[in-house]
Amino acid sequence: MKGIINKMTNEILLDKINLIVEKLMNLGGADYDSDKSTSENARKSGLIARDFGIEEWDWPQGVGLYGLNKLQLFLKQDKYTEFFKNWFKTNMDKGLPSANINTTAPLLTLVDLLDKFQNTEYEPLCMRRAEWLMNELPKTKESGFEHTTSAIGNRDAFARHEEQLWIDTLFMAVLFLNKMGHKYNRKDWIEESIHQVLLHIKYLYDKKTGLFYHGWTFKENNNFGEVFWCRGNSWFTFGLVDFIEAFHGQMESGLKRYLEDTWKAQVIRLIDLQSDSGLWHTVLDDESSYEEVSGSAAIVTGILKGIRLGILDDAYKIKADKAIEAICNNIAIDGTVLNVSAGTGIGMDKEHYKNIMIAPMAYGQSLALVALCEALN
């Protein structure tokens, strides 16, 4: 695989993409009930049963669907529509878990599929979730979206992280609200999505480095362990360009410049921290932490998209190509994307992030998928 980036063709990339997709669509399910018997230490390392597989309705699977939909849109085919139909119908028949930030992620893809599905249940579901985010989701001080999840071992229960902002929220829920606002011409939803992006920048962005902290607590007024987590940063690198693109050139120029300048400051620092392999470490500024593929894939997706949208110049393409080569080197012959860290809660030190387990995950497949799709452009 060494040196392949110099002769990378769409055919080679598509072969890799097909391997990833086949594995993603056949990741199977997870024993949700096993969460109840999993030790606290195991959970801290990322062993949360609901995160595994492709069948559960939660954020890892939501990101998995997002990547698959990106590929379908790129191919301009309905190649995976039946898979999507079966996935959403199966989950609706089973019953959805509690409404929270993380379980909003699958709806980001569903919005794009509403016109194809013509299912009378799906549009009201999306509308209700948008209104829930606006009016029922617990808010922090300054009306931030409090990061909420399903309770461990009970998908119907609602777990709060009181007065906490997490960088994950931007991708899992704010992109959805913004997309819904544009689809249904709801200015209030669009404006709220802008407010959330700006608020998360205010409390999570570190001006000294240009990087983002994982979270902020209004209770203690701090950024927890002040760790620069790779995948957390990647939610911004990847998510913000999608956020801007959703405005179709109609974003107010002052706001657009502010967001792009913040994003570029982060990218410049990320480029400085890129390892010799082309990947990024799971703790970005700690070379003793392992190199992590899902966050690296989302970072390079954002960079490539930024180049395509004219936010970055072509000089960044060399670094992006190096990352794409590294991602290809981390795709096993059966399509498994390797060296992906499991679900990660906020930690108080770098060791917390360095000890997160590595395992095949739907979002690992998906983020590698969108990276390779972007490299096709």
Foldseek 3Di string as FASTA:
>chain_A
DPPCLVVDALVVLVVLLVLLVVCLLPQDAFDLQCLVVDDPVLVLLFPAGRQGHQQAQWQLNLLLLVLVVLVCVLVVHCVCVVVVVVSVVVDVVVPAFAQFLGSQSNVLNVVVCCVVVVDPPNVVVLVVSLVCQVPPQDAAPVRERFHKAQDRSGRRHIGTPHQKDFLVSLNRPLLSLCLVCLVVVPVVSNVVSLSNVVVQCVQFADPVQLAGQGMAHPVVGDSQQRFRFLQSRLCLLQRVLSSVVSCVPVPDPVSVVVSLVSNVSNLVSQLVQQDPQLFAFRRRPDPVAHGAQLSRLSNLLSVLSCCVVVSDPCVCVVSSSSNLVSQSVQQDPSRFRWRHFHDHDDHNHPVSRSSRDTDGGSSSSSSNSSSSSSVND
